[in-house]
Every structure is written in C-alpha cells, then in structure tokens.
Protein backbone atom coordinates (compact mmCIF):
# COMPACT_ATOMS: atom_id res chain seq x y z
CA MET A 1 -9.33 2.24 -6.71
CA SER A 2 -8.99 4.68 -3.76
CA ILE A 3 -5.69 5.57 -2.86
CA ARG A 4 -4.68 5.00 0.61
CA TRP A 5 -1.52 8.04 1.27
CA ASN A 6 1.37 8.38 3.16
CA VAL A 7 2.15 11.80 3.67
CA GLU A 8 5.34 12.75 5.09
CA GLU A 9 7.31 15.58 5.91
CA LEU A 10 11.23 13.87 5.42
CA MET A 11 13.75 16.19 3.82
CA PHE A 12 17.44 13.29 3.35
CA ASP A 13 20.53 15.18 2.75
CA SER A 14 22.03 12.45 0.58
CA LEU A 15 20.94 10.50 -2.02
CA TYR A 16 21.54 7.09 0.08
CA GLU A 17 19.83 8.15 2.62
CA ALA A 18 16.91 8.51 0.68
CA GLU A 19 17.50 5.15 -1.30
CA VAL A 20 17.86 3.25 1.95
CA TRP A 21 14.62 5.19 2.80
CA ALA A 22 12.25 4.20 -0.22
CA ASP A 23 13.70 0.56 -0.14
CA SER A 24 12.26 0.20 3.08
CA LEU A 25 8.84 2.32 1.78
CA ALA A 26 8.58 -0.02 -1.15
CA ASN A 27 8.51 -2.87 0.57
CA GLU A 28 5.23 -1.45 2.61
CA MET A 29 3.60 -0.75 -0.14
CA TYR A 30 4.41 -4.27 -1.84
CA ALA A 31 2.90 -5.23 1.79
CA ARG A 32 -0.19 -3.30 0.47
CA LEU A 33 -0.25 -0.94 3.98
CA TYR A 34 -0.63 1.71 1.63
CA ASN A 35 -0.63 1.97 -1.84
CA GLY A 36 0.63 6.25 -2.87
CA TYR A 37 3.59 7.84 -1.38
CA ASP A 38 3.75 12.07 -0.99
CA THR A 39 6.37 13.84 -0.24
CA PRO A 40 8.64 17.19 -0.39
CA ASP A 41 11.97 15.18 -1.13
CA TYR A 42 12.79 14.16 -5.13
CA LYS A 43 15.33 11.83 -4.03
CA ILE A 44 12.92 9.83 -1.97
CA ALA A 45 10.00 9.65 -5.04
CA PHE A 46 12.54 9.13 -7.77
CA PHE A 47 13.92 6.19 -5.81
CA LEU A 48 11.14 4.67 -4.94
CA ALA A 49 9.16 4.79 -8.47
CA PHE A 50 12.36 2.96 -9.52
CA ARG A 51 12.22 0.22 -7.01
CA LEU A 52 8.55 -0.24 -7.40
CA ALA A 53 8.77 -0.35 -10.85
CA GLU A 54 10.82 -3.99 -10.05
CA ILE A 55 7.41 -5.40 -9.13
CA LYS A 56 5.67 -6.86 -12.28
CA GLU A 57 2.59 -6.64 -10.57
CA PHE A 58 2.64 -2.63 -10.38
CA THR A 59 2.08 -0.08 -12.56
CA ILE A 60 3.84 2.82 -11.17
CA ARG A 61 1.99 6.92 -11.21
CA THR A 62 3.90 9.88 -10.44
CA ALA A 63 2.82 13.09 -10.27
CA ARG A 64 4.56 17.08 -8.95
CA THR A 65 3.02 19.64 -7.46
CA VAL A 66 4.94 23.38 -6.74
CA ASP A 67 6.05 21.65 -3.56
CA ARG A 68 5.57 17.71 -3.54
CA TYR A 69 6.34 14.71 -4.98
CA GLN A 70 3.65 11.56 -5.41
CA VAL A 71 4.05 8.16 -6.19
CA TRP A 72 1.48 5.31 -6.28
CA VAL A 73 0.52 1.70 -7.47
CA THR A 74 -1.99 0.29 -9.40
CA ILE A 75 -2.01 -3.23 -8.74
CA ASN A 76 -2.27 -5.36 -12.86
CA SER A 77 -5.04 -7.97 -12.59
C-alpha cells in the first residue's frame, strides 16, 4: 500500500489551534482523501495521532526526522 501524503508547512502558536486543525485532518483521513500527514509542527502530529487512534479500523504509525513529524494510517482488514 502506498501512502498518499498531505505535506504542509503550517505552524500553530497554541495547542487549541493545533487540536482544531488535527480534528479536521482526522476527518479527511477517515474519508480516505489521503492516509499520511507530514508537518513541521509537533502539536499537530500529537493531536492527529490521538484523534486517529479512536478509529478502530486504523493502525496508527508515527515517525520523526530532524525537523518533520509524520503520522500515517494503515487500514485493518
């Protein structure tokens, strides 16, 4: 399975902004628009991973490079 990444450069100042953004991303990933998200903002990755963990059909994966955070899902069959 290849990963369709949504790569963005957004950085939020507050945890609240990142949480609201991550909530909308989780909806898009649940709708299968893409299955991976790449961001420089750890707050978005943190909230996104926890939002996606609530979906039983998904297995959540995360990775960190020097300046990027990635969250992606695989679908349980």
